[in-house]
PDB file of all heavy atoms in Angstrom:
ATOM      1  N   SER A   1      -3.912  98.751 -52.172  1.00  0.00           N
ATOM      2  CA  SER A   1      -4.438  99.959 -51.567  1.00  0.00           C
ATOM      3  C   SER A   1      -5.938 100.046 -51.806  1.00  0.00           C
ATOM      4  O   SER A   1      -6.405  99.927 -52.939  1.00  0.00           O
ATOM      5  CB  SER A   1      -3.761 101.190 -52.169  1.00  0.00           C
ATOM      6  OG  SER A   1      -4.460 102.353 -51.817  1.00  0.00           O
ATOM      7  N   PHE A   2      -6.685 100.219 -50.732  1.00  0.00           N
ATOM      8  CA  PHE A   2      -8.127 100.378 -50.869  1.00  0.00           C
ATOM      9  C   PHE A   2      -8.453 101.591 -51.720  1.00  0.00           C
ATOM     10  O   PHE A   2      -9.454 101.602 -52.431  1.00  0.00           O
ATOM     11  CB  PHE A   2      -8.739 100.532 -49.467  1.00  0.00           C
ATOM     12  CG  PHE A   2     -10.205 100.247 -49.411  1.00  0.00           C
ATOM     13  CD1 PHE A   2     -10.679  98.956 -49.378  1.00  0.00           C
ATOM     14  CD2 PHE A   2     -11.121 101.283 -49.387  1.00  0.00           C
ATOM     15  CE1 PHE A   2     -12.031  98.685 -49.310  1.00  0.00           C
ATOM     16  CE2 PHE A   2     -12.479 101.023 -49.330  1.00  0.00           C
ATOM     17  CZ  PHE A   2     -12.936  99.729 -49.282  1.00  0.00           C
ATOM     18  N   GLU A   3      -7.563 102.564 -51.655  1.00  0.00           N
ATOM     19  CA  GLU A   3      -7.779 103.783 -52.439  1.00  0.00           C
ATOM     20  C   GLU A   3      -7.753 103.472 -53.930  1.00  0.00           C
ATOM     21  O   GLU A   3      -8.380 104.174 -54.730  1.00  0.00           O
ATOM     22  CB  GLU A   3      -6.722 104.827 -52.090  1.00  0.00           C
ATOM     23  CG  GLU A   3      -7.006 106.215 -52.646  1.00  0.00           C
ATOM     24  CD  GLU A   3      -6.046 107.242 -52.111  1.00  0.00           C
ATOM     25  OE1 GLU A   3      -5.072 106.853 -51.436  1.00  0.00           O
ATOM     26  OE2 GLU A   3      -6.258 108.446 -52.363  1.00  0.00           O
ATOM     27  N   SER A   4      -7.046 102.417 -54.309  1.00  0.00           N
ATOM     28  CA  SER A   4      -6.994 102.043 -55.719  1.00  0.00           C
ATOM     29  C   SER A   4      -8.335 101.541 -56.214  1.00  0.00           C
ATOM     30  O   SER A   4      -8.545 101.420 -57.420  1.00  0.00           O
ATOM     31  CB  SER A   4      -5.923 100.977 -55.942  1.00  0.00           C
ATOM     32  OG  SER A   4      -6.310  99.744 -55.373  1.00  0.00           O
ATOM     33  N   PHE A   5      -9.238 101.237 -55.285  1.00  0.00           N
ATOM     34  CA  PHE A   5     -10.599 100.872 -55.664  1.00  0.00           C
ATOM     35  C   PHE A   5     -11.480 102.113 -55.793  1.00  0.00           C
ATOM     36  O   PHE A   5     -12.694 101.994 -55.914  1.00  0.00           O
ATOM     37  CB  PHE A   5     -11.218  99.937 -54.624  1.00  0.00           C
ATOM     38  CG  PHE A   5     -10.681  98.538 -54.656  1.00  0.00           C
ATOM     39  CD1 PHE A   5      -9.858  98.076 -53.637  1.00  0.00           C
ATOM     40  CD2 PHE A   5     -11.000  97.674 -55.684  1.00  0.00           C
ATOM     41  CE1 PHE A   5      -9.356  96.785 -53.654  1.00  0.00           C
ATOM     42  CE2 PHE A   5     -10.503  96.384 -55.714  1.00  0.00           C
ATOM     43  CZ  PHE A   5      -9.682  95.946 -54.692  1.00  0.00           C
ATOM     44  N   GLY A   6     -10.858 103.295 -55.718  1.00  0.00           N
ATOM     45  CA  GLY A   6     -11.609 104.536 -55.678  1.00  0.00           C
ATOM     46  C   GLY A   6     -12.610 104.688 -56.800  1.00  0.00           C
ATOM     47  O   GLY A   6     -13.686 105.251 -56.617  1.00  0.00           O
ATOM     48  N   SER A   7     -12.282 104.174 -57.985  1.00  0.00           N
ATOM     49  CA  SER A   7     -13.189 104.335 -59.111  1.00  0.00           C
ATOM     50  C   SER A   7     -14.097 103.119 -59.281  1.00  0.00           C
ATOM     51  O   SER A   7     -14.866 103.046 -60.245  1.00  0.00           O
ATOM     52  CB  SER A   7     -12.391 104.560 -60.389  1.00  0.00           C
ATOM     53  OG  SER A   7     -11.561 103.448 -60.647  1.00  0.00           O
ATOM     54  N   ASN A   8     -14.037 102.189 -58.366  1.00  0.00           N
ATOM     55  CA  ASN A   8     -14.783 100.937 -58.519  1.00  0.00           C
ATOM     56  C   ASN A   8     -15.930 100.823 -57.521  1.00  0.00           C
ATOM     57  O   ASN A   8     -15.888 101.393 -56.440  1.00  0.00           O
ATOM     58  CB  ASN A   8     -13.840  99.751 -58.332  1.00  0.00           C
ATOM     59  CG  ASN A   8     -12.698  99.761 -59.309  1.00  0.00           C
ATOM     60  OD1 ASN A   8     -11.590 100.170 -58.980  1.00  0.00           O
ATOM     61  ND2 ASN A   8     -12.981  99.351 -60.522  1.00  0.00           N
ATOM     62  N   GLY A   9     -16.911 100.030 -57.913  1.00  0.00           N
ATOM     63  CA  GLY A   9     -18.025  99.800 -57.032  1.00  0.00           C
ATOM     64  C   GLY A   9     -17.653  98.875 -55.884  1.00  0.00           C
ATOM     65  O   GLY A   9     -16.882  97.934 -56.050  1.00  0.00           O
ATOM     66  N   LEU A  10     -18.223  99.158 -54.721  1.00  0.00           N
ATOM     67  CA  LEU A  10     -18.059  98.335 -53.535  1.00  0.00           C
ATOM     68  C   LEU A  10     -19.438  97.926 -53.040  1.00  0.00           C
ATOM     69  O   LEU A  10     -20.417  98.640 -53.288  1.00  0.00           O
ATOM     70  CB  LEU A  10     -17.332  99.101 -52.430  1.00  0.00           C
ATOM     71  CG  LEU A  10     -15.968  99.702 -52.757  1.00  0.00           C
ATOM     72  CD1 LEU A  10     -15.474 100.542 -51.592  1.00  0.00           C
ATOM     73  CD2 LEU A  10     -14.970  98.589 -53.081  1.00  0.00           C
ATOM     74  N   GLY A  11     -19.504  96.832 -52.326  1.00  0.00           N
ATOM     75  CA  GLY A  11     -20.814  96.395 -51.876  1.00  0.00           C
ATOM     76  C   GLY A  11     -20.784  95.580 -50.601  1.00  0.00           C
ATOM     77  O   GLY A  11     -19.718  95.169 -50.127  1.00  0.00           O
ATOM     78  N   TRP A  12     -21.986  95.371 -50.077  1.00  0.00           N
ATOM     79  CA  TRP A  12     -22.204  94.510 -48.917  1.00  0.00           C
ATOM     80  C   TRP A  12     -23.258  93.472 -49.275  1.00  0.00           C
ATOM     81  O   TRP A  12     -24.287  93.795 -49.881  1.00  0.00           O
ATOM     82  CB  TRP A  12     -22.687  95.325 -47.717  1.00  0.00           C
ATOM     83  CG  TRP A  12     -21.653  96.214 -47.116  1.00  0.00           C
ATOM     84  CD1 TRP A  12     -21.461  97.538 -47.375  1.00  0.00           C
ATOM     85  CD2 TRP A  12     -20.673  95.860 -46.144  1.00  0.00           C
ATOM     86  NE1 TRP A  12     -20.420  98.021 -46.631  1.00  0.00           N
ATOM     87  CE2 TRP A  12     -19.917  97.008 -45.857  1.00  0.00           C
ATOM     88  CE3 TRP A  12     -20.357  94.674 -45.473  1.00  0.00           C
ATOM     89  CZ2 TRP A  12     -18.872  97.028 -44.941  1.00  0.00           C
ATOM     90  CZ3 TRP A  12     -19.311  94.677 -44.565  1.00  0.00           C
ATOM     91  CH2 TRP A  12     -18.575  95.835 -44.296  1.00  0.00           C
ATOM     92  N   PHE A  13     -22.991  92.253 -48.847  1.00  0.00           N
ATOM     93  CA  PHE A  13     -23.927  91.155 -49.005  1.00  0.00           C
ATOM     94  C   PHE A  13     -24.080  90.460 -47.657  1.00  0.00           C
ATOM     95  O   PHE A  13     -23.256  90.668 -46.752  1.00  0.00           O
ATOM     96  CB  PHE A  13     -23.402  90.133 -50.033  1.00  0.00           C
ATOM     97  CG  PHE A  13     -23.415  90.630 -51.449  1.00  0.00           C
ATOM     98  CD1 PHE A  13     -22.490  91.576 -51.886  1.00  0.00           C
ATOM     99  CD2 PHE A  13     -24.344  90.166 -52.354  1.00  0.00           C
ATOM    100  CE1 PHE A  13     -22.508  92.046 -53.197  1.00  0.00           C
ATOM    101  CE2 PHE A  13     -24.367  90.613 -53.671  1.00  0.00           C
ATOM    102  CZ  PHE A  13     -23.446  91.552 -54.085  1.00  0.00           C
ATOM    103  N   ARG A  14     -25.090  89.650 -47.533  1.00  0.00           N
ATOM    104  CA  ARG A  14     -25.224  88.868 -46.308  1.00  0.00           C
ATOM    105  C   ARG A  14     -25.785  87.488 -46.640  1.00  0.00           C
ATOM    106  O   ARG A  14     -26.435  87.298 -47.662  1.00  0.00           O
ATOM    107  CB  ARG A  14     -26.127  89.574 -45.304  1.00  0.00           C
ATOM    108  CG  ARG A  14     -27.589  89.616 -45.679  1.00  0.00           C
ATOM    109  CD  ARG A  14     -28.365  90.490 -44.712  1.00  0.00           C
ATOM    110  NE  ARG A  14     -29.798  90.468 -44.987  1.00  0.00           N
ATOM    111  CZ  ARG A  14     -30.652  91.350 -44.467  1.00  0.00           C
ATOM    112  NH1 ARG A  14     -30.220  92.302 -43.657  1.00  0.00           N
ATOM    113  NH2 ARG A  14     -31.932  91.252 -44.753  1.00  0.00           N
ATOM    114  N   GLN A  15     -25.512  86.573 -45.729  1.00  0.00           N
ATOM    115  CA  GLN A  15     -26.009  85.214 -45.904  1.00  0.00           C
ATOM    116  C   GLN A  15     -26.468  84.672 -44.560  1.00  0.00           C
ATOM    117  O   GLN A  15     -25.674  84.552 -43.618  1.00  0.00           O
ATOM    118  CB  GLN A  15     -24.927  84.314 -46.481  1.00  0.00           C
ATOM    119  CG  GLN A  15     -25.407  82.920 -46.825  1.00  0.00           C
ATOM    120  CD  GLN A  15     -24.399  82.146 -47.634  1.00  0.00           C
ATOM    121  OE1 GLN A  15     -23.202  82.429 -47.626  1.00  0.00           O
ATOM    122  NE2 GLN A  15     -24.864  81.158 -48.374  1.00  0.00           N
ATOM    123  N   ALA A  16     -27.759  84.391 -44.487  1.00  0.00           N
ATOM    124  CA  ALA A  16     -28.312  83.777 -43.288  1.00  0.00           C
ATOM    125  C   ALA A  16     -28.105  82.271 -43.378  1.00  0.00           C
ATOM    126  O   ALA A  16     -27.959  81.709 -44.468  1.00  0.00           O
ATOM    127  CB  ALA A  16     -29.783  84.107 -43.163  1.00  0.00           C
ATOM    128  N   SER A  17     -28.124  81.630 -42.238  1.00  0.00           N
ATOM    129  CA  SER A  17     -27.902  80.185 -42.195  1.00  0.00           C
ATOM    130  C   SER A  17     -28.945  79.463 -43.045  1.00  0.00           C
ATOM    131  O   SER A  17     -30.149  79.703 -42.901  1.00  0.00           O
ATOM    132  CB  SER A  17     -27.980  79.698 -40.742  1.00  0.00           C
ATOM    133  OG  SER A  17     -27.792  78.319 -40.663  1.00  0.00           O
ATOM    134  N   GLY A  18     -28.500  78.628 -43.944  1.00  0.00           N
ATOM    135  CA  GLY A  18     -29.404  77.863 -44.782  1.00  0.00           C
ATOM    136  C   GLY A  18     -29.986  78.619 -45.951  1.00  0.00           C
ATOM    137  O   GLY A  18     -30.820  78.084 -46.681  1.00  0.00           O
ATOM    138  N   LYS A  19     -29.545  79.848 -46.143  1.00  0.00           N
ATOM    139  CA  LYS A  19     -30.085  80.651 -47.239  1.00  0.00           C
ATOM    140  C   LYS A  19     -28.959  81.090 -48.176  1.00  0.00           C
ATOM    141  O   LYS A  19     -27.785  81.035 -47.839  1.00  0.00           O
ATOM    142  CB  LYS A  19     -30.822  81.880 -46.692  1.00  0.00           C
ATOM    143  CG  LYS A  19     -32.056  81.538 -45.893  1.00  0.00           C
ATOM    144  CD  LYS A  19     -32.824  82.798 -45.522  1.00  0.00           C
ATOM    145  CE  LYS A  19     -34.105  82.468 -44.785  1.00  0.00           C
ATOM    146  NZ  LYS A  19     -34.871  83.693 -44.422  1.00  0.00           N
ATOM    147  N   GLU A  20     -29.362  81.553 -49.350  1.00  0.00           N
ATOM    148  CA  GLU A  20     -28.377  82.041 -50.296  1.00  0.00           C
ATOM    149  C   GLU A  20     -27.906  83.440 -49.903  1.00  0.00           C
ATOM    150  O   GLU A  20     -28.619  84.193 -49.242  1.00  0.00           O
ATOM    151  CB  GLU A  20     -28.994  82.075 -51.697  1.00  0.00           C
ATOM    152  CG  GLU A  20     -29.255  80.695 -52.278  1.00  0.00           C
ATOM    153  CD  GLU A  20     -29.689  80.755 -53.728  1.00  0.00           C
ATOM    154  OE1 GLU A  20     -29.863  81.861 -54.261  1.00  0.00           O
ATOM    155  OE2 GLU A  20     -29.855  79.679 -54.332  1.00  0.00           O
ATOM    156  N   ARG A  21     -26.734  83.757 -50.361  1.00  0.00           N
ATOM    157  CA  ARG A  21     -26.200  85.094 -50.131  1.00  0.00           C
ATOM    158  C   ARG A  21     -27.045  86.105 -50.893  1.00  0.00           C
ATOM    159  O   ARG A  21     -27.450  85.858 -52.038  1.00  0.00           O
ATOM    160  CB  ARG A  21     -24.747  85.154 -50.589  1.00  0.00           C
ATOM    161  CG  ARG A  21     -24.039  86.451 -50.257  1.00  0.00           C
ATOM    162  CD  ARG A  21     -22.549  86.313 -50.452  1.00  0.00           C
ATOM    163  NE  ARG A  21     -22.185  85.942 -51.796  1.00  0.00           N
ATOM    164  CZ  ARG A  21     -20.958  85.576 -52.158  1.00  0.00           C
ATOM    165  NH1 ARG A  21     -19.998  85.511 -51.264  1.00  0.00           N
ATOM    166  NH2 ARG A  21     -20.706  85.252 -53.419  1.00  0.00           N
ATOM    167  N   GLU A  22     -27.311  87.253 -50.255  1.00  0.00           N
ATOM    168  CA  GLU A  22     -28.152  88.263 -50.894  1.00  0.00           C
ATOM    169  C   GLU A  22     -27.506  89.638 -50.798  1.00  0.00           C
ATOM    170  O   GLU A  22     -26.750  89.950 -49.875  1.00  0.00           O
ATOM    171  CB  GLU A  22     -29.537  88.306 -50.227  1.00  0.00           C
ATOM    172  CG  GLU A  22     -29.532  88.661 -48.761  1.00  0.00           C
ATOM    173  CD  GLU A  22     -30.923  88.598 -48.146  1.00  0.00           C
ATOM    174  OE1 GLU A  22     -31.906  88.357 -48.862  1.00  0.00           O
ATOM    175  OE2 GLU A  22     -31.016  88.809 -46.917  1.00  0.00           O
ATOM    176  N   PHE A  23     -27.852  90.449 -51.760  1.00  0.00           N
ATOM    177  CA  PHE A  23     -27.345  91.811 -51.828  1.00  0.00           C
ATOM    178  C   PHE A  23     -27.958  92.655 -50.722  1.00  0.00           C
ATOM    179  O   PHE A  23     -29.150  92.552 -50.424  1.00  0.00           O
ATOM    180  CB  PHE A  23     -27.688  92.405 -53.193  1.00  0.00           C
ATOM    181  CG  PHE A  23     -27.498  93.884 -53.290  1.00  0.00           C
ATOM    182  CD1 PHE A  23     -26.216  94.423 -53.423  1.00  0.00           C
ATOM    183  CD2 PHE A  23     -28.575  94.743 -53.256  1.00  0.00           C
ATOM    184  CE1 PHE A  23     -26.038  95.802 -53.522  1.00  0.00           C
ATOM    185  CE2 PHE A  23     -28.406  96.112 -53.360  1.00  0.00           C
ATOM    186  CZ  PHE A  23     -27.136  96.635 -53.484  1.00  0.00           C
ATOM    187  N   VAL A  24     -27.151  93.526 -50.125  1.00  0.00           N
ATOM    188  CA  VAL A  24     -27.629  94.435 -49.091  1.00  0.00           C
ATOM    189  C   VAL A  24     -27.506  95.891 -49.546  1.00  0.00           C
ATOM    190  O   VAL A  24     -28.472  96.641 -49.537  1.00  0.00           O
ATOM    191  CB  VAL A  24     -26.849  94.235 -47.772  1.00  0.00           C
ATOM    192  CG1 VAL A  24     -27.267  95.283 -46.742  1.00  0.00           C
ATOM    193  CG2 VAL A  24     -27.060  92.830 -47.233  1.00  0.00           C
ATOM    194  N   ALA A  25     -26.299  96.291 -49.924  1.00  0.00           N
ATOM    195  CA  ALA A  25     -26.062  97.691 -50.288  1.00  0.00           C
ATOM    196  C   ALA A  25     -24.810  97.795 -51.144  1.00  0.00           C
ATOM    197  O   ALA A  25     -23.940  96.932 -51.092  1.00  0.00           O
ATOM    198  CB  ALA A  25     -25.915  98.553 -49.043  1.00  0.00           C
ATOM    199  N   ALA A  26     -24.746  98.860 -51.931  1.00  0.00           N
ATOM    200  CA  ALA A  26     -23.569  99.082 -52.766  1.00  0.00           C
ATOM    201  C   ALA A  26     -23.332 100.576 -52.922  1.00  0.00           C
ATOM    202  O   ALA A  26     -24.258 101.391 -52.797  1.00  0.00           O
ATOM    203  CB  ALA A  26     -23.749  98.437 -54.133  1.00  0.00           C
ATOM    204  N   ILE A  27     -22.078 100.910 -53.215  1.00  0.00           N
ATOM    205  CA  ILE A  27     -21.727 102.308 -53.440  1.00  0.00           C
ATOM    206  C   ILE A  27     -20.776 102.371 -54.622  1.00  0.00           C
ATOM    207  O   ILE A  27     -19.840 101.573 -54.738  1.00  0.00           O
ATOM    208  CB  ILE A  27     -21.110 102.940 -52.168  1.00  0.00           C
ATOM    209  CG1 ILE A  27     -20.842 104.431 -52.375  1.00  0.00           C
ATOM    210  CG2 ILE A  27     -19.849 102.205 -51.721  1.00  0.00           C
ATOM    211  CD1 ILE A  27     -20.567 105.175 -51.061  1.00  0.00           C
ATOM    212  N   GLY A  28     -21.045 103.301 -55.505  1.00  0.00           N
ATOM    213  CA  GLY A  28     -20.232 103.430 -56.693  1.00  0.00           C
ATOM    214  C   GLY A  28     -18.931 104.165 -56.421  1.00  0.00           C
ATOM    215  O   GLY A  28     -18.708 104.716 -55.343  1.00  0.00           O
ATOM    216  N   GLY A  29     -18.068 104.156 -57.420  1.00  0.00           N
ATOM    217  CA  GLY A  29     -16.776 104.804 -57.305  1.00  0.00           C
ATOM    218  C   GLY A  29     -16.847 106.300 -57.550  1.00  0.00           C
ATOM    219  O   GLY A  29     -17.925 106.872 -57.711  1.00  0.00           O
ATOM    220  N   THR A  30     -15.677 106.904 -57.597  1.00  0.00           N
ATOM    221  CA  THR A  30     -15.563 108.360 -57.710  1.00  0.00           C
ATOM    222  C   THR A  30     -16.316 108.900 -58.910  1.00  0.00           C
ATOM    223  O   THR A  30     -17.045 109.897 -58.808  1.00  0.00           O
ATOM    224  CB  THR A  30     -14.084 108.747 -57.821  1.00  0.00           C
ATOM    225  OG1 THR A  30     -13.385 108.228 -56.682  1.00  0.00           O
ATOM    226  CG2 THR A  30     -13.931 110.266 -57.850  1.00  0.00           C
ATOM    227  N   TRP A  31     -16.160 108.243 -60.042  1.00  0.00           N
ATOM    228  CA  TRP A  31     -16.767 108.747 -61.268  1.00  0.00           C
ATOM    229  C   TRP A  31     -18.282 108.676 -61.230  1.00  0.00           C
ATOM    230  O   TRP A  31     -18.948 109.385 -61.988  1.00  0.00           O
ATOM    231  CB  TRP A  31     -16.243 107.980 -62.473  1.00  0.00           C
ATOM    232  CG  TRP A  31     -14.765 108.151 -62.637  1.00  0.00           C
ATOM    233  CD1 TRP A  31     -13.805 107.201 -62.486  1.00  0.00           C
ATOM    234  CD2 TRP A  31     -14.076 109.363 -62.967  1.00  0.00           C
ATOM    235  NE1 TRP A  31     -12.557 107.750 -62.694  1.00  0.00           N
ATOM    236  CE2 TRP A  31     -12.686 109.053 -62.998  1.00  0.00           C
ATOM    237  CE3 TRP A  31     -14.493 110.662 -63.243  1.00  0.00           C
ATOM    238  CZ2 TRP A  31     -11.729 110.016 -63.285  1.00  0.00           C
ATOM    239  CZ3 TRP A  31     -13.531 111.616 -63.534  1.00  0.00           C
ATOM    240  CH2 TRP A  31     -12.167 111.284 -63.556  1.00  0.00           C
ATOM    241  N   SER A  32     -18.830 107.851 -60.387  1.00  0.00           N
ATOM    242  CA  SER A  32     -20.283 107.757 -60.278  1.00  0.00           C
ATOM    243  C   SER A  32     -20.828 108.758 -59.279  1.00  0.00           C
ATOM    244  O   SER A  32     -22.041 108.864 -59.102  1.00  0.00           O
ATOM    245  CB  SER A  32     -20.684 106.341 -59.845  1.00  0.00           C
ATOM    246  OG  SER A  32     -20.477 106.157 -58.452  1.00  0.00           O
ATOM    247  N   GLY A  33     -19.899 109.483 -58.632  1.00  0.00           N
ATOM    248  CA  GLY A  33     -20.345 110.430 -57.612  1.00  0.00           C
ATOM    249  C   GLY A  33     -20.715 109.725 -56.319  1.00  0.00           C
ATOM    250  O   GLY A  33     -21.373 110.315 -55.459  1.00  0.00           O
ATOM    251  N   GLY A  34     -20.281 108.468 -56.197  1.00  0.00           N
ATOM    252  CA  GLY A  34     -20.600 107.742 -54.973  1.00  0.00           C
ATOM    253  C   GLY A  34     -22.057 107.351 -54.873  1.00  0.00           C
ATOM    254  O   GLY A  34     -22.617 107.281 -53.773  1.00  0.00           O
ATOM    255  N   VAL A  35     -22.672 107.069 -56.000  1.00  0.00           N
ATOM    256  CA  VAL A  35     -24.081 106.670 -55.994  1.00  0.00           C
ATOM    257  C   VAL A  35     -24.271 105.430 -55.128  1.00  0.00           C
ATOM    258  O   VAL A  35     -23.388 104.565 -55.066  1.00  0.00           O
ATOM    259  CB  VAL A  35     -24.564 106.413 -57.431  1.00  0.00           C
ATOM    260  CG1 VAL A  35     -23.834 105.239 -58.054  1.00  0.00           C
ATOM    261  CG2 VAL A  35     -26.061 106.193 -57.478  1.00  0.00           C
ATOM    262  N   THR A  36     -25.376 105.347 -54.439  1.00  0.00           N
ATOM    263  CA  THR A  36     -25.650 104.195 -53.584  1.00  0.00           C
ATOM    264  C   THR A  36     -26.906 103.458 -54.043  1.00  0.00           C
ATOM    265  O   THR A  36     -27.777 104.029 -54.706  1.00  0.00           O
ATOM    266  CB  THR A  36     -25.834 104.618 -52.120  1.00  0.00           C
ATOM    267  OG1 THR A  36     -26.886 105.587 -52.039  1.00  0.00           O
ATOM    268  CG2 THR A  36     -24.562 105.219 -51.552  1.00  0.00           C
TER     269      THR A  36
END
């Protein structure tokens, strides 16, 4: 259940061709107040 990740951080990364994967954005879980 995705809801079971409610207290955990989630994120987005991207990888362009020939480059390393890089961080784009993240959002914290319930206890963090959904900090981004």
